[in-house]
């Protein structure tokens, strides 16, 4: 999420397609990895990566969200 709370989509993986789509977000270019079990990893973490991330699961009937706050030390 941006500081104002608006969403920024950075990665997407469909359950039917195994390929990952990374959105064009310059601050994460070449630093993201989304695994087969939907684990998002950010390489070369920076203090600016300390923010709220939300994992969204979209089904035919509903949208589920699971937020987490990433801390960088």
PDB file of N, CA and C in Angstrom:
ATOM      1  N   UNK A   1       0.827  -1.184   0.000  1.00  0.00           N
ATOM      2  CA  UNK A   1       0.000   0.000   0.000  1.00  0.00           C
ATOM      3  C   UNK A   1       0.867   1.242   0.000  1.00  0.00           C
ATOM      4  N   UNK A   2       0.354   2.287  -0.637  1.00  0.00           N
ATOM      5  CA  UNK A   2       1.024   3.581  -0.592  1.00  0.00           C
ATOM      6  C   UNK A   2       0.789   4.191   0.788  1.00  0.00           C
ATOM      7  N   UNK A   3       1.566   5.216   1.154  1.00  0.00           N
ATOM      8  CA  UNK A   3       1.373   5.848   2.467  1.00  0.00           C
ATOM      9  C   UNK A   3      -0.056   6.342   2.709  1.00  0.00           C
ATOM     10  N   UNK A   4      -0.775   6.695   1.645  1.00  0.00           N
ATOM     11  CA  UNK A   4      -2.154   7.167   1.819  1.00  0.00           C
ATOM     12  C   UNK A   4      -3.162   6.024   1.925  1.00  0.00           C
ATOM     13  N   UNK A   5      -2.675   4.764   1.878  1.00  0.00           N
ATOM     14  CA  UNK A   5      -3.553   3.605   2.017  1.00  0.00           C
ATOM     15  C   UNK A   5      -4.071   3.042   0.715  1.00  0.00           C
ATOM     16  N   UNK A   6      -3.803   3.714  -0.394  1.00  0.00           N
ATOM     17  CA  UNK A   6      -4.277   3.198  -1.683  1.00  0.00           C
ATOM     18  C   UNK A   6      -3.422   2.003  -2.115  1.00  0.00           C
ATOM     19  N   UNK A   7      -4.036   1.033  -2.779  1.00  0.00           N
ATOM     20  CA  UNK A   7      -3.304  -0.195  -3.128  1.00  0.00           C
ATOM     21  C   UNK A   7      -2.390  -0.025  -4.339  1.00  0.00           C
ATOM     22  N   UNK A   8      -1.314  -0.803  -4.319  1.00  0.00           N
ATOM     23  CA  UNK A   8      -0.400  -0.930  -5.458  1.00  0.00           C
ATOM     24  C   UNK A   8      -0.242  -2.425  -5.673  1.00  0.00           C
ATOM     25  N   UNK A   9      -0.567  -2.899  -6.847  1.00  0.00           N
ATOM     26  CA  UNK A   9      -0.425  -4.326  -7.126  1.00  0.00           C
ATOM     27  C   UNK A   9       0.991  -4.575  -7.624  1.00  0.00           C
ATOM     28  N   UNK A  10       1.671  -5.565  -7.010  1.00  0.00           N
ATOM     29  CA  UNK A  10       3.057  -5.814  -7.381  1.00  0.00           C
ATOM     30  C   UNK A  10       3.287  -7.192  -7.981  1.00  0.00           C
ATOM     31  N   UNK A  11       2.454  -8.167  -7.651  1.00  0.00           N
ATOM     32  CA  UNK A  11       2.652  -9.518  -8.186  1.00  0.00           C
ATOM     33  C   UNK A  11       1.315 -10.249  -8.223  1.00  0.00           C
ATOM     34  N   UNK A  12       1.210 -11.168  -9.189  1.00  0.00           N
ATOM     35  CA  UNK A  12      -0.034 -11.920  -9.381  1.00  0.00           C
ATOM     36  C   UNK A  12       0.305 -13.319  -9.848  1.00  0.00           C
ATOM     37  N   UNK A  13      -0.397 -14.292  -9.311  1.00  0.00           N
ATOM     38  CA  UNK A  13      -0.241 -15.677  -9.762  1.00  0.00           C
ATOM     39  C   UNK A  13      -1.603 -16.346  -9.732  1.00  0.00           C
ATOM     40  N   UNK A  14      -2.003 -16.883 -10.852  1.00  0.00           N
ATOM     41  CA  UNK A  14      -3.272 -17.588 -10.973  1.00  0.00           C
ATOM     42  C   UNK A  14      -3.092 -19.033 -10.530  1.00  0.00           C
ATOM     43  N   UNK A  15      -4.141 -19.604  -9.960  1.00  0.00           N
ATOM     44  CA  UNK A  15      -4.059 -21.007  -9.555  1.00  0.00           C
ATOM     45  C   UNK A  15      -4.055 -21.938 -10.756  1.00  0.00           C
ATOM     46  N   UNK A  16      -4.557 -21.464 -11.894  1.00  0.00           N
ATOM     47  CA  UNK A  16      -4.595 -22.308 -13.088  1.00  0.00           C
ATOM     48  C   UNK A  16      -3.350 -22.137 -13.957  1.00  0.00           C
ATOM     49  N   UNK A  17      -2.681 -20.993 -13.833  1.00  0.00           N
ATOM     50  CA  UNK A  17      -1.444 -20.746 -14.577  1.00  0.00           C
ATOM     51  C   UNK A  17      -0.316 -20.641 -13.571  1.00  0.00           C
ATOM     52  N   UNK A  18       0.744 -21.354 -13.819  1.00  0.00           N
ATOM     53  CA  UNK A  18       1.841 -21.374 -12.861  1.00  0.00           C
ATOM     54  C   UNK A  18       2.786 -20.185 -13.012  1.00  0.00           C
ATOM     55  N   UNK A  19       2.653 -19.409 -14.089  1.00  0.00           N
ATOM     56  CA  UNK A  19       3.557 -18.280 -14.280  1.00  0.00           C
ATOM     57  C   UNK A  19       3.153 -17.111 -13.383  1.00  0.00           C
ATOM     58  N   UNK A  20       4.137 -16.311 -13.005  1.00  0.00           N
ATOM     59  CA  UNK A  20       3.923 -15.153 -12.143  1.00  0.00           C
ATOM     60  C   UNK A  20       4.011 -13.897 -12.993  1.00  0.00           C
ATOM     61  N   UNK A  21       3.115 -12.966 -12.729  1.00  0.00           N
ATOM     62  CA  UNK A  21       3.142 -11.680 -13.408  1.00  0.00           C
ATOM     63  C   UNK A  21       3.538 -10.626 -12.379  1.00  0.00           C
ATOM     64  N   UNK A  22       4.601  -9.875 -12.687  1.00  0.00           N
ATOM     65  CA  UNK A  22       5.041  -8.794 -11.814  1.00  0.00           C
ATOM     66  C   UNK A  22       4.643  -7.475 -12.451  1.00  0.00           C
ATOM     67  N   UNK A  23       3.942  -6.634 -11.683  1.00  0.00           N
ATOM     68  CA  UNK A  23       3.544  -5.334 -12.199  1.00  0.00           C
ATOM     69  C   UNK A  23       4.751  -4.404 -12.245  1.00  0.00           C
ATOM     70  N   UNK A  24       4.643  -3.357 -13.040  1.00  0.00           N
ATOM     71  CA  UNK A  24       5.738  -2.414 -13.238  1.00  0.00           C
ATOM     72  C   UNK A  24       5.767  -1.405 -12.089  1.00  0.00           C
ATOM     73  N   UNK A  25       6.416  -1.800 -10.999  1.00  0.00           N
ATOM     74  CA  UNK A  25       6.589  -0.934  -9.837  1.00  0.00           C
ATOM     75  C   UNK A  25       8.097  -0.737  -9.690  1.00  0.00           C
ATOM     76  N   UNK A  26       8.611   0.427 -10.103  1.00  0.00           N
ATOM     77  CA  UNK A  26      10.062   0.643 -10.156  1.00  0.00           C
ATOM     78  C   UNK A  26      10.819   0.301  -8.877  1.00  0.00           C
ATOM     79  N   UNK A  27      10.252   0.585  -7.700  1.00  0.00           N
ATOM     80  CA  UNK A  27      10.989   0.333  -6.461  1.00  0.00           C
ATOM     81  C   UNK A  27      11.205  -1.152  -6.183  1.00  0.00           C
ATOM     82  N   UNK A  28      10.482  -2.028  -6.874  1.00  0.00           N
ATOM     83  CA  UNK A  28      10.640  -3.472  -6.676  1.00  0.00           C
ATOM     84  C   UNK A  28      11.198  -4.190  -7.901  1.00  0.00           C
ATOM     85  N   UNK A  29      11.608  -3.446  -8.905  1.00  0.00           N
ATOM     86  CA  UNK A  29      12.112  -4.059 -10.142  1.00  0.00           C
ATOM     87  C   UNK A  29      13.267  -5.013  -9.829  1.00  0.00           C
ATOM     88  N   UNK A  30      13.131  -6.252 -10.282  1.00  0.00           N
ATOM     89  CA  UNK A  30      14.148  -7.304 -10.132  1.00  0.00           C
ATOM     90  C   UNK A  30      14.434  -7.676  -8.673  1.00  0.00           C
ATOM     91  N   UNK A  31      13.538  -7.353  -7.742  1.00  0.00           N
ATOM     92  CA  UNK A  31      13.748  -7.709  -6.330  1.00  0.00           C
ATOM     93  C   UNK A  31      12.677  -8.630  -5.782  1.00  0.00           C
ATOM     94  N   UNK A  32      11.655  -8.955  -6.596  1.00  0.00           N
ATOM     95  CA  UNK A  32      10.535  -9.768  -6.118  1.00  0.00           C
ATOM     96  C   UNK A  32      10.616 -11.205  -6.593  1.00  0.00           C
ATOM     97  N   UNK A  33      10.093 -12.085  -5.754  1.00  0.00           N
ATOM     98  CA  UNK A  33       9.959 -13.490  -6.107  1.00  0.00           C
ATOM     99  C   UNK A  33       8.677 -14.004  -5.456  1.00  0.00           C
ATOM    100  N   UNK A  34       7.787 -14.588  -6.250  1.00  0.00           N
ATOM    101  CA  UNK A  34       6.547 -15.165  -5.736  1.00  0.00           C
ATOM    102  C   UNK A  34       6.609 -16.666  -5.984  1.00  0.00           C
ATOM    103  N   UNK A  35       6.677 -17.439  -4.902  1.00  0.00           N
ATOM    104  CA  UNK A  35       6.877 -18.885  -5.014  1.00  0.00           C
ATOM    105  C   UNK A  35       5.585 -19.610  -5.376  1.00  0.00           C
ATOM    106  N   UNK A  36       5.728 -20.908  -5.597  1.00  0.00           N
ATOM    107  CA  UNK A  36       4.578 -21.741  -5.947  1.00  0.00           C
ATOM    108  C   UNK A  36       3.543 -21.790  -4.832  1.00  0.00           C
ATOM    109  N   UNK A  37       3.994 -21.620  -3.582  1.00  0.00           N
ATOM    110  CA  UNK A  37       3.045 -21.614  -2.456  1.00  0.00           C
ATOM    111  C   UNK A  37       2.621 -20.183  -2.094  1.00  0.00           C
ATOM    112  N   UNK A  38       2.832 -19.255  -3.021  1.00  0.00           N
ATOM    113  CA  UNK A  38       2.401 -17.851  -2.898  1.00  0.00           C
ATOM    114  C   UNK A  38       3.171 -17.047  -1.851  1.00  0.00           C
ATOM    115  N   UNK A  39       4.375 -17.465  -1.526  1.00  0.00           N
ATOM    116  CA  UNK A  39       5.221 -16.698  -0.624  1.00  0.00           C
ATOM    117  C   UNK A  39       5.912 -15.600  -1.418  1.00  0.00           C
ATOM    118  N   UNK A  40       5.734 -14.359  -0.986  1.00  0.00           N
ATOM    119  CA  UNK A  40       6.377 -13.228  -1.645  1.00  0.00           C
ATOM    120  C   UNK A  40       7.674 -12.910  -0.921  1.00  0.00           C
ATOM    121  N   UNK A  41       8.771 -12.877  -1.667  1.00  0.00           N
ATOM    122  CA  UNK A  41      10.075 -12.534  -1.102  1.00  0.00           C
ATOM    123  C   UNK A  41      10.592 -11.285  -1.790  1.00  0.00           C
ATOM    124  N   UNK A  42      11.226 -10.422  -0.990  1.00  0.00           N
ATOM    125  CA  UNK A  42      11.836  -9.198  -1.510  1.00  0.00           C
ATOM    126  C   UNK A  42      13.320  -9.285  -1.220  1.00  0.00           C
ATOM    127  N   UNK A  43      14.135  -9.311  -2.256  1.00  0.00           N
ATOM    128  CA  UNK A  43      15.580  -9.376  -2.055  1.00  0.00           C
ATOM    129  C   UNK A  43      16.134  -7.970  -1.830  1.00  0.00           C
ATOM    130  N   UNK A  44      17.309  -7.905  -1.239  1.00  0.00           N
ATOM    131  CA  UNK A  44      17.973  -6.630  -0.959  1.00  0.00           C
ATOM    132  C   UNK A  44      17.021  -5.659  -0.261  1.00  0.00           C
ATOM    133  N   UNK A  45      16.445  -6.108   0.850  1.00  0.00           N
ATOM    134  CA  UNK A  45      15.468  -5.301   1.587  1.00  0.00           C
ATOM    135  C   UNK A  45      16.052  -3.948   1.968  1.00  0.00           C
ATOM    136  N   UNK A  46      15.171  -2.950   1.908  1.00  0.00           N
ATOM    137  CA  UNK A  46      15.547  -1.572   2.241  1.00  0.00           C
ATOM    138  C   UNK A  46      14.599  -1.077   3.324  1.00  0.00           C
ATOM    139  N   UNK A  47      15.015  -0.047   4.026  1.00  0.00           N
ATOM    140  CA  UNK A  47      14.142   0.556   5.035  1.00  0.00           C
ATOM    141  C   UNK A  47      12.832   0.993   4.395  1.00  0.00           C
ATOM    142  N   UNK A  48      12.868   1.451   3.149  1.00  0.00           N
ATOM    143  CA  UNK A  48      11.653   1.902   2.459  1.00  0.00           C
ATOM    144  C   UNK A  48      10.677   0.755   2.183  1.00  0.00           C
ATOM    145  N   UNK A  49      11.114  -0.504   2.339  1.00  0.00           N
ATOM    146  CA  UNK A  49      10.227  -1.662   2.165  1.00  0.00           C
ATOM    147  C   UNK A  49       9.372  -1.901   3.408  1.00  0.00           C
ATOM    148  N   UNK A  50       9.633  -1.156   4.459  1.00  0.00           N
ATOM    149  CA  UNK A  50       8.872  -1.319   5.700  1.00  0.00           C
ATOM    150  C   UNK A  50       7.504  -0.674   5.527  1.00  0.00           C
ATOM    151  N   UNK A  51       6.506  -1.508   5.283  1.00  0.00           N
ATOM    152  CA  UNK A  51       5.144  -1.025   5.048  1.00  0.00           C
ATOM    153  C   UNK A  51       4.163  -2.171   5.158  1.00  0.00           C
ATOM    154  N   UNK A  52       2.926  -1.879   4.904  1.00  0.00           N
ATOM    155  CA  UNK A  52       1.848  -2.881   4.962  1.00  0.00           C
ATOM    156  C   UNK A  52       1.707  -3.533   3.594  1.00  0.00           C
ATOM    157  N   UNK A  53       1.706  -4.853   3.586  1.00  0.00           N
ATOM    158  CA  UNK A  53       1.459  -5.635   2.380  1.00  0.00           C
ATOM    159  C   UNK A  53       0.184  -6.435   2.607  1.00  0.00           C
ATOM    160  N   UNK A  54      -0.602  -6.613   1.558  1.00  0.00           N
ATOM    161  CA  UNK A  54      -1.847  -7.359   1.660  1.00  0.00           C
ATOM    162  C   UNK A  54      -1.852  -8.453   0.602  1.00  0.00           C
ATOM    163  N   UNK A  55      -2.036  -9.689   1.055  1.00  0.00           N
ATOM    164  CA  UNK A  55      -2.196 -10.812   0.137  1.00  0.00           C
ATOM    165  C   UNK A  55      -3.694 -10.944  -0.136  1.00  0.00           C
ATOM    166  N   UNK A  56      -4.057 -10.989  -1.400  1.00  0.00           N
ATOM    167  CA  UNK A  56      -5.467 -11.122  -1.776  1.00  0.00           C
ATOM    168  C   UNK A  56      -5.688 -12.456  -2.474  1.00  0.00           C
ATOM    169  N   UNK A  57      -6.725 -13.154  -2.055  1.00  0.00           N
ATOM    170  CA  UNK A  57      -7.145 -14.392  -2.701  1.00  0.00           C
ATOM    171  C   UNK A  57      -8.526 -14.121  -3.291  1.00  0.00           C
ATOM    172  N   UNK A  58      -8.619 -14.238  -4.603  1.00  0.00           N
ATOM    173  CA  UNK A  58      -9.875 -13.965  -5.294  1.00  0.00           C
ATOM    174  C   UNK A  58     -10.457 -15.282  -5.786  1.00  0.00           C
ATOM    175  N   UNK A  59     -11.698 -15.570  -5.353  1.00  0.00           N
ATOM    176  CA  UNK A  59     -12.405 -16.764  -5.799  1.00  0.00           C
ATOM    177  C   UNK A  59     -13.623 -16.329  -6.598  1.00  0.00           C
ATOM    178  N   UNK A  60     -14.360 -17.283  -7.097  1.00  0.00           N
ATOM    179  CA  UNK A  60     -15.575 -16.953  -7.846  1.00  0.00           C
ATOM    180  C   UNK A  60     -16.592 -16.231  -6.978  1.00  0.00           C
ATOM    181  N   UNK A  61     -16.591 -16.538  -5.677  1.00  0.00           N
ATOM    182  CA  UNK A  61     -17.622 -16.024  -4.779  1.00  0.00           C
ATOM    183  C   UNK A  61     -17.185 -14.909  -3.837  1.00  0.00           C
ATOM    184  N   UNK A  62     -15.873 -14.719  -3.662  1.00  0.00           N
ATOM    185  CA  UNK A  62     -15.454 -13.806  -2.610  1.00  0.00           C
ATOM    186  C   UNK A  62     -14.024 -13.322  -2.841  1.00  0.00           C
ATOM    187  N   UNK A  63     -13.630 -12.315  -2.068  1.00  0.00           N
ATOM    188  CA  UNK A  63     -12.259 -11.820  -2.043  1.00  0.00           C
ATOM    189  C   UNK A  63     -11.804 -11.865  -0.584  1.00  0.00           C
ATOM    190  N   UNK A  64     -10.693 -12.525  -0.341  1.00  0.00           N
ATOM    191  CA  UNK A  64     -10.130 -12.640   1.002  1.00  0.00           C
ATOM    192  C   UNK A  64      -8.831 -11.842   1.048  1.00  0.00           C
ATOM    193  N   UNK A  65      -8.628 -11.124   2.132  1.00  0.00           N
ATOM    194  CA  UNK A  65      -7.408 -10.330   2.293  1.00  0.00           C
ATOM    195  C   UNK A  65      -6.712 -10.695   3.600  1.00  0.00           C
ATOM    196  N   UNK A  66      -5.390 -10.786   3.543  1.00  0.00           N
ATOM    197  CA  UNK A  66      -4.598 -11.068   4.738  1.00  0.00           C
ATOM    198  C   UNK A  66      -3.444 -10.064   4.765  1.00  0.00           C
ATOM    199  N   UNK A  67      -3.551  -9.017   5.580  1.00  0.00           N
ATOM    200  CA  UNK A  67      -2.497  -8.006   5.648  1.00  0.00           C
ATOM    201  C   UNK A  67      -1.359  -8.405   6.592  1.00  0.00           C
ATOM    202  N   UNK A  68      -0.183  -7.862   6.339  1.00  0.00           N
ATOM    203  CA  UNK A  68       0.946  -8.024   7.238  1.00  0.00           C
ATOM    204  C   UNK A  68       1.788  -6.763   7.174  1.00  0.00           C
ATOM    205  N   UNK A  69       2.441  -6.441   8.259  1.00  0.00           N
ATOM    206  CA  UNK A  69       3.334  -5.307   8.304  1.00  0.00           C
ATOM    207  C   UNK A  69       4.762  -5.850   8.226  1.00  0.00           C
ATOM    208  N   UNK A  70       5.505  -5.404   7.238  1.00  0.00           N
ATOM    209  CA  UNK A  70       6.906  -5.816   7.084  1.00  0.00           C
ATOM    210  C   UNK A  70       7.777  -4.829   7.832  1.00  0.00           C
ATOM    211  N   UNK A  71       8.643  -5.358   8.696  1.00  0.00           N
ATOM    212  CA  UNK A  71       9.606  -4.548   9.431  1.00  0.00           C
ATOM    213  C   UNK A  71      10.990  -4.869   8.903  1.00  0.00           C
ATOM    214  N   UNK A  72      11.795  -3.852   8.688  1.00  0.00           N
ATOM    215  CA  UNK A  72      13.172  -4.030   8.209  1.00  0.00           C
ATOM    216  C   UNK A  72      14.118  -3.523   9.285  1.00  0.00           C
ATOM    217  N   UNK A  73      15.046  -4.389   9.712  1.00  0.00           N
ATOM    218  CA  UNK A  73      15.992  -4.022  10.759  1.00  0.00           C
ATOM    219  C   UNK A  73      17.407  -4.017  10.204  1.00  0.00           C
TER     220      UNK A  73
END
